[in-house]
């Protein structure tokens, strides 16, 4: 109510440890399954805005089911109830990182299952799909902003900040959300 939005927005900050890390081995946890389970439980509570280091490289692969598939989904009524098409899926994503890894496939699957859209490479502030991680081996995009389609158009901008090697090998990411807050005197 305070922000004048139709639905609640659930903010999620997430970190998926790199594949093969000792942390994952010790804790026997799959970070993608864990995140999917938690988001699925909350899916009826509002829209999601996820800011995360996913250690995923997605190349040019799209995070949504192609509109051609919407026609096939409508033929199977039980599937069309689970997955609803949207107009945000048609926004092309620009990317500089051409790498792809297993976590990239998992992130795309997560976005399709929970119905999330990439902000990287699609929003003002990052229309070129800038890299977010810089190591001696090169650069990559592994940090992502994701949103539910219902609030995609309320996101004014998504930005990959200038990398500061003294602080981290990752650039910070930020998002600006449009709200309808009226300040009364």
C-alpha atoms as a PDB file:
ATOM      1  CA  UNK A   1       0.000   0.000   0.000  1.00  0.00           C
ATOM      2  CA  UNK A   2       2.789   2.446   0.926  1.00  0.00           C
ATOM      3  CA  UNK A   3       4.297   2.259  -2.570  1.00  0.00           C
ATOM      4  CA  UNK A   4       0.935   2.233  -4.357  1.00  0.00           C
ATOM      5  CA  UNK A   5       1.553  -1.106  -6.068  1.00  0.00           C
ATOM      6  CA  UNK A   6      -1.092  -3.650  -7.054  1.00  0.00           C
ATOM      7  CA  UNK A   7       0.751  -6.580  -5.472  1.00  0.00           C
ATOM      8  CA  UNK A   8       3.453  -7.155  -2.915  1.00  0.00           C
ATOM      9  CA  UNK A   9       7.007  -7.442  -4.189  1.00  0.00           C
ATOM     10  CA  UNK A  10       9.140 -10.144  -2.655  1.00  0.00           C
ATOM     11  CA  UNK A  11      12.824  -9.156  -2.692  1.00  0.00           C
ATOM     12  CA  UNK A  12      15.290 -12.005  -2.825  1.00  0.00           C
ATOM     13  CA  UNK A  13      19.065 -11.838  -2.568  1.00  0.00           C
ATOM     14  CA  UNK A  14      20.650 -15.167  -3.468  1.00  0.00           C
ATOM     15  CA  UNK A  15      24.040 -16.760  -3.854  1.00  0.00           C
ATOM     16  CA  UNK A  16      24.719 -20.069  -5.583  1.00  0.00           C
ATOM     17  CA  UNK A  17      28.147 -21.397  -4.679  1.00  0.00           C
ATOM     18  CA  UNK A  18      30.224 -22.414  -7.717  1.00  0.00           C
ATOM     19  CA  UNK A  19      29.693 -25.899  -9.042  1.00  0.00           C
ATOM     20  CA  UNK A  20      32.095 -28.307  -7.376  1.00  0.00           C
ATOM     21  CA  UNK A  21      32.753 -26.064  -4.362  1.00  0.00           C
ATOM     22  CA  UNK A  22      33.604 -27.712  -1.042  1.00  0.00           C
ATOM     23  CA  UNK A  23      30.673 -25.843   0.560  1.00  0.00           C
ATOM     24  CA  UNK A  24      28.186 -27.682  -1.645  1.00  0.00           C
ATOM     25  CA  UNK A  25      29.930 -30.976  -0.930  1.00  0.00           C
ATOM     26  CA  UNK A  26      29.843 -30.456   2.837  1.00  0.00           C
ATOM     27  CA  UNK A  27      26.229 -29.284   3.006  1.00  0.00           C
ATOM     28  CA  UNK A  28      24.723 -31.608   0.397  1.00  0.00           C
ATOM     29  CA  UNK A  29      22.506 -28.849  -0.972  1.00  0.00           C
ATOM     30  CA  UNK A  30      21.557 -28.018  -4.521  1.00  0.00           C
ATOM     31  CA  UNK A  31      21.309 -24.217  -4.601  1.00  0.00           C
ATOM     32  CA  UNK A  32      18.987 -24.154  -7.617  1.00  0.00           C
ATOM     33  CA  UNK A  33      16.562 -26.721  -6.207  1.00  0.00           C
ATOM     34  CA  UNK A  34      16.599 -24.868  -2.882  1.00  0.00           C
ATOM     35  CA  UNK A  35      15.886 -21.492  -4.507  1.00  0.00           C
ATOM     36  CA  UNK A  36      13.181 -22.936  -6.760  1.00  0.00           C
ATOM     37  CA  UNK A  37      11.460 -24.567  -3.792  1.00  0.00           C
ATOM     38  CA  UNK A  38      11.498 -21.355  -1.745  1.00  0.00           C
ATOM     39  CA  UNK A  39      10.254 -19.185  -4.622  1.00  0.00           C
ATOM     40  CA  UNK A  40       7.532 -21.696  -5.521  1.00  0.00           C
ATOM     41  CA  UNK A  41       6.189 -21.640  -1.970  1.00  0.00           C
ATOM     42  CA  UNK A  42       5.879 -17.834  -2.165  1.00  0.00           C
ATOM     43  CA  UNK A  43       4.629 -17.626  -5.764  1.00  0.00           C
ATOM     44  CA  UNK A  44       1.062 -16.707  -4.786  1.00  0.00           C
ATOM     45  CA  UNK A  45       2.178 -14.045  -2.296  1.00  0.00           C
ATOM     46  CA  UNK A  46       3.348 -11.425  -4.814  1.00  0.00           C
ATOM     47  CA  UNK A  47       5.860 -10.668  -7.557  1.00  0.00           C
ATOM     48  CA  UNK A  48       9.561 -11.455  -7.327  1.00  0.00           C
ATOM     49  CA  UNK A  49      12.592  -9.239  -7.678  1.00  0.00           C
ATOM     50  CA  UNK A  50      15.719 -11.389  -7.377  1.00  0.00           C
ATOM     51  CA  UNK A  51      19.270  -9.996  -7.245  1.00  0.00           C
ATOM     52  CA  UNK A  52      21.749 -12.832  -7.228  1.00  0.00           C
ATOM     53  CA  UNK A  53      25.216 -14.191  -7.865  1.00  0.00           C
ATOM     54  CA  UNK A  54      24.117 -17.350  -9.650  1.00  0.00           C
ATOM     55  CA  UNK A  55      27.534 -18.418 -11.034  1.00  0.00           C
ATOM     56  CA  UNK A  56      25.586 -19.127 -14.224  1.00  0.00           C
ATOM     57  CA  UNK A  57      26.629 -18.300 -17.757  1.00  0.00           C
ATOM     58  CA  UNK A  58      23.608 -18.239 -20.054  1.00  0.00           C
ATOM     59  CA  UNK A  59      24.983 -17.080 -23.406  1.00  0.00           C
ATOM     60  CA  UNK A  60      22.099 -15.982 -25.645  1.00  0.00           C
ATOM     61  CA  UNK A  61      19.644 -18.592 -24.420  1.00  0.00           C
ATOM     62  CA  UNK A  62      16.244 -17.237 -23.497  1.00  0.00           C
ATOM     63  CA  UNK A  63      14.726 -17.648 -20.056  1.00  0.00           C
ATOM     64  CA  UNK A  64      11.151 -17.955 -21.273  1.00  0.00           C
ATOM     65  CA  UNK A  65       9.144 -20.376 -23.350  1.00  0.00           C
ATOM     66  CA  UNK A  66       9.024 -19.028 -26.895  1.00  0.00           C
ATOM     67  CA  UNK A  67       5.704 -17.538 -28.021  1.00  0.00           C
ATOM     68  CA  UNK A  68       5.501 -20.323 -30.594  1.00  0.00           C
ATOM     69  CA  UNK A  69       5.256 -22.660 -27.638  1.00  0.00           C
ATOM     70  CA  UNK A  70       2.328 -20.642 -26.215  1.00  0.00           C
ATOM     71  CA  UNK A  71       0.153 -21.976 -29.031  1.00  0.00           C
ATOM     72  CA  UNK A  72       1.138 -25.526 -28.159  1.00  0.00           C
ATOM     73  CA  UNK A  73       0.561 -24.818 -24.460  1.00  0.00           C
ATOM     74  CA  UNK A  74      -2.978 -23.590 -25.119  1.00  0.00           C
ATOM     75  CA  UNK A  75      -3.769 -26.957 -26.692  1.00  0.00           C
ATOM     76  CA  UNK A  76      -2.891 -28.602 -23.382  1.00  0.00           C
ATOM     77  CA  UNK A  77      -5.145 -26.763 -20.936  1.00  0.00           C
ATOM     78  CA  UNK A  78      -3.483 -28.073 -17.781  1.00  0.00           C
ATOM     79  CA  UNK A  79      -0.115 -26.674 -18.946  1.00  0.00           C
ATOM     80  CA  UNK A  80      -1.504 -23.267 -19.904  1.00  0.00           C
ATOM     81  CA  UNK A  81      -2.814 -22.891 -16.357  1.00  0.00           C
ATOM     82  CA  UNK A  82       0.670 -23.566 -14.959  1.00  0.00           C
ATOM     83  CA  UNK A  83       2.532 -21.337 -17.382  1.00  0.00           C
ATOM     84  CA  UNK A  84       1.069 -18.106 -18.661  1.00  0.00           C
ATOM     85  CA  UNK A  85       2.628 -16.292 -21.592  1.00  0.00           C
ATOM     86  CA  UNK A  86       3.443 -12.596 -21.294  1.00  0.00           C
ATOM     87  CA  UNK A  87       4.514  -9.689 -23.434  1.00  0.00           C
ATOM     88  CA  UNK A  88       7.835  -9.198 -21.602  1.00  0.00           C
ATOM     89  CA  UNK A  89       9.146 -12.407 -23.146  1.00  0.00           C
ATOM     90  CA  UNK A  90       9.458 -10.659 -26.493  1.00  0.00           C
ATOM     91  CA  UNK A  91      12.151  -8.244 -25.297  1.00  0.00           C
ATOM     92  CA  UNK A  92      15.421  -9.402 -26.858  1.00  0.00           C
ATOM     93  CA  UNK A  93      18.383  -9.782 -24.525  1.00  0.00           C
ATOM     94  CA  UNK A  94      21.769  -8.412 -25.503  1.00  0.00           C
ATOM     95  CA  UNK A  95      24.833 -10.158 -24.083  1.00  0.00           C
ATOM     96  CA  UNK A  96      28.590  -9.793 -24.260  1.00  0.00           C
ATOM     97  CA  UNK A  97      29.451 -13.025 -22.415  1.00  0.00           C
ATOM     98  CA  UNK A  98      29.243 -15.901 -24.889  1.00  0.00           C
ATOM     99  CA  UNK A  99      29.982 -18.587 -22.300  1.00  0.00           C
ATOM    100  CA  UNK A 100      27.538 -21.253 -21.210  1.00  0.00           C
ATOM    101  CA  UNK A 101      27.702 -23.681 -18.298  1.00  0.00           C
ATOM    102  CA  UNK A 102      25.566 -26.186 -16.403  1.00  0.00           C
ATOM    103  CA  UNK A 103      24.401 -23.498 -13.980  1.00  0.00           C
ATOM    104  CA  UNK A 104      23.311 -21.466 -17.006  1.00  0.00           C
ATOM    105  CA  UNK A 105      20.987 -24.290 -17.998  1.00  0.00           C
ATOM    106  CA  UNK A 106      19.748 -24.519 -14.405  1.00  0.00           C
ATOM    107  CA  UNK A 107      19.079 -20.755 -14.237  1.00  0.00           C
ATOM    108  CA  UNK A 108      17.108 -20.833 -17.476  1.00  0.00           C
ATOM    109  CA  UNK A 109      15.103 -23.778 -16.161  1.00  0.00           C
ATOM    110  CA  UNK A 110      14.474 -21.926 -12.872  1.00  0.00           C
ATOM    111  CA  UNK A 111      13.244 -18.847 -14.749  1.00  0.00           C
ATOM    112  CA  UNK A 112      10.882 -20.946 -16.846  1.00  0.00           C
ATOM    113  CA  UNK A 113       9.568 -22.864 -13.851  1.00  0.00           C
ATOM    114  CA  UNK A 114       9.051 -19.921 -11.480  1.00  0.00           C
ATOM    115  CA  UNK A 115       8.296 -17.470 -14.326  1.00  0.00           C
ATOM    116  CA  UNK A 116      11.129 -14.941 -14.012  1.00  0.00           C
ATOM    117  CA  UNK A 117      12.671 -12.617 -16.600  1.00  0.00           C
ATOM    118  CA  UNK A 118      16.280 -11.456 -16.966  1.00  0.00           C
ATOM    119  CA  UNK A 119      16.920  -7.771 -16.372  1.00  0.00           C
ATOM    120  CA  UNK A 120      20.523  -8.093 -17.613  1.00  0.00           C
ATOM    121  CA  UNK A 121      20.783  -6.963 -21.205  1.00  0.00           C
ATOM    122  CA  UNK A 122      17.132  -5.886 -21.357  1.00  0.00           C
ATOM    123  CA  UNK A 123      16.785  -2.782 -19.215  1.00  0.00           C
ATOM    124  CA  UNK A 124      18.078   0.774 -19.486  1.00  0.00           C
ATOM    125  CA  UNK A 125      21.430   0.896 -17.709  1.00  0.00           C
ATOM    126  CA  UNK A 126      22.520  -2.491 -19.083  1.00  0.00           C
ATOM    127  CA  UNK A 127      21.238  -2.627 -22.644  1.00  0.00           C
ATOM    128  CA  UNK A 128      24.551  -4.135 -23.793  1.00  0.00           C
ATOM    129  CA  UNK A 129      24.580  -6.970 -21.244  1.00  0.00           C
ATOM    130  CA  UNK A 130      27.779  -6.007 -19.444  1.00  0.00           C
ATOM    131  CA  UNK A 131      29.946  -8.592 -17.670  1.00  0.00           C
ATOM    132  CA  UNK A 132      29.680  -8.747 -13.883  1.00  0.00           C
ATOM    133  CA  UNK A 133      32.730 -10.836 -12.935  1.00  0.00           C
ATOM    134  CA  UNK A 134      36.368 -10.094 -13.757  1.00  0.00           C
ATOM    135  CA  UNK A 135      39.144 -12.608 -13.095  1.00  0.00           C
ATOM    136  CA  UNK A 136      42.659 -13.120 -14.480  1.00  0.00           C
ATOM    137  CA  UNK A 137      41.091 -15.737 -16.798  1.00  0.00           C
ATOM    138  CA  UNK A 138      38.680 -13.213 -18.332  1.00  0.00           C
ATOM    139  CA  UNK A 139      35.228 -11.771 -17.747  1.00  0.00           C
ATOM    140  CA  UNK A 140      31.743 -13.251 -17.490  1.00  0.00           C
ATOM    141  CA  UNK A 141      28.181 -12.442 -16.549  1.00  0.00           C
ATOM    142  CA  UNK A 142      27.269 -14.472 -13.471  1.00  0.00           C
ATOM    143  CA  UNK A 143      25.304 -11.928 -11.407  1.00  0.00           C
ATOM    144  CA  UNK A 144      21.696 -11.406 -12.420  1.00  0.00           C
ATOM    145  CA  UNK A 145      18.644  -9.316 -11.797  1.00  0.00           C
ATOM    146  CA  UNK A 146      15.432 -11.282 -12.322  1.00  0.00           C
ATOM    147  CA  UNK A 147      11.819 -10.182 -12.048  1.00  0.00           C
ATOM    148  CA  UNK A 148       8.328 -11.546 -12.368  1.00  0.00           C
ATOM    149  CA  UNK A 149       6.667 -10.482 -15.630  1.00  0.00           C
ATOM    150  CA  UNK A 150       4.011  -8.601 -13.625  1.00  0.00           C
ATOM    151  CA  UNK A 151       6.567  -6.011 -12.449  1.00  0.00           C
ATOM    152  CA  UNK A 152       8.969  -6.076 -15.400  1.00  0.00           C
ATOM    153  CA  UNK A 153       7.592  -2.797 -16.779  1.00  0.00           C
ATOM    154  CA  UNK A 154       7.769  -1.158 -13.337  1.00  0.00           C
ATOM    155  CA  UNK A 155      11.530  -1.633 -13.321  1.00  0.00           C
ATOM    156  CA  UNK A 156      12.897   1.652 -14.585  1.00  0.00           C
ATOM    157  CA  UNK A 157      16.508   0.513 -14.883  1.00  0.00           C
ATOM    158  CA  UNK A 158      18.990  -2.222 -14.107  1.00  0.00           C
ATOM    159  CA  UNK A 159      22.647  -1.321 -13.819  1.00  0.00           C
ATOM    160  CA  UNK A 160      25.961  -3.140 -13.703  1.00  0.00           C
ATOM    161  CA  UNK A 161      28.219  -0.682 -11.897  1.00  0.00           C
ATOM    162  CA  UNK A 162      31.832   0.016 -12.800  1.00  0.00           C
ATOM    163  CA  UNK A 163      34.021  -2.784 -11.506  1.00  0.00           C
ATOM    164  CA  UNK A 164      36.316  -1.911  -8.588  1.00  0.00           C
ATOM    165  CA  UNK A 165      39.044  -4.563  -8.362  1.00  0.00           C
ATOM    166  CA  UNK A 166      40.079  -3.303  -4.915  1.00  0.00           C
ATOM    167  CA  UNK A 167      36.686  -4.374  -3.513  1.00  0.00           C
ATOM    168  CA  UNK A 168      35.779  -7.556  -5.368  1.00  0.00           C
ATOM    169  CA  UNK A 169      36.123  -9.471  -8.594  1.00  0.00           C
ATOM    170  CA  UNK A 170      32.394  -8.804  -9.106  1.00  0.00           C
ATOM    171  CA  UNK A 171      30.752  -5.548 -10.140  1.00  0.00           C
ATOM    172  CA  UNK A 172      27.747  -4.511  -8.080  1.00  0.00           C
ATOM    173  CA  UNK A 173      24.316  -4.622  -9.679  1.00  0.00           C
ATOM    174  CA  UNK A 174      21.389  -2.364  -8.859  1.00  0.00           C
ATOM    175  CA  UNK A 175      17.795  -1.832  -9.865  1.00  0.00           C
ATOM    176  CA  UNK A 176      15.475   1.177  -9.869  1.00  0.00           C
ATOM    177  CA  UNK A 177      11.797   0.411  -9.378  1.00  0.00           C
ATOM    178  CA  UNK A 178       8.985   2.830 -10.264  1.00  0.00           C
ATOM    179  CA  UNK A 179       6.418   3.210  -7.490  1.00  0.00           C
ATOM    180  CA  UNK A 180       3.244   5.241  -7.038  1.00  0.00           C
ATOM    181  CA  UNK A 181       3.936   6.750  -3.638  1.00  0.00           C
ATOM    182  CA  UNK A 182       2.164  10.059  -3.029  1.00  0.00           C
ATOM    183  CA  UNK A 183       3.642  12.151  -0.231  1.00  0.00           C
ATOM    184  CA  UNK A 184       1.003  14.092   1.634  1.00  0.00           C
ATOM    185  CA  UNK A 185       1.820  17.283   3.541  1.00  0.00           C
END
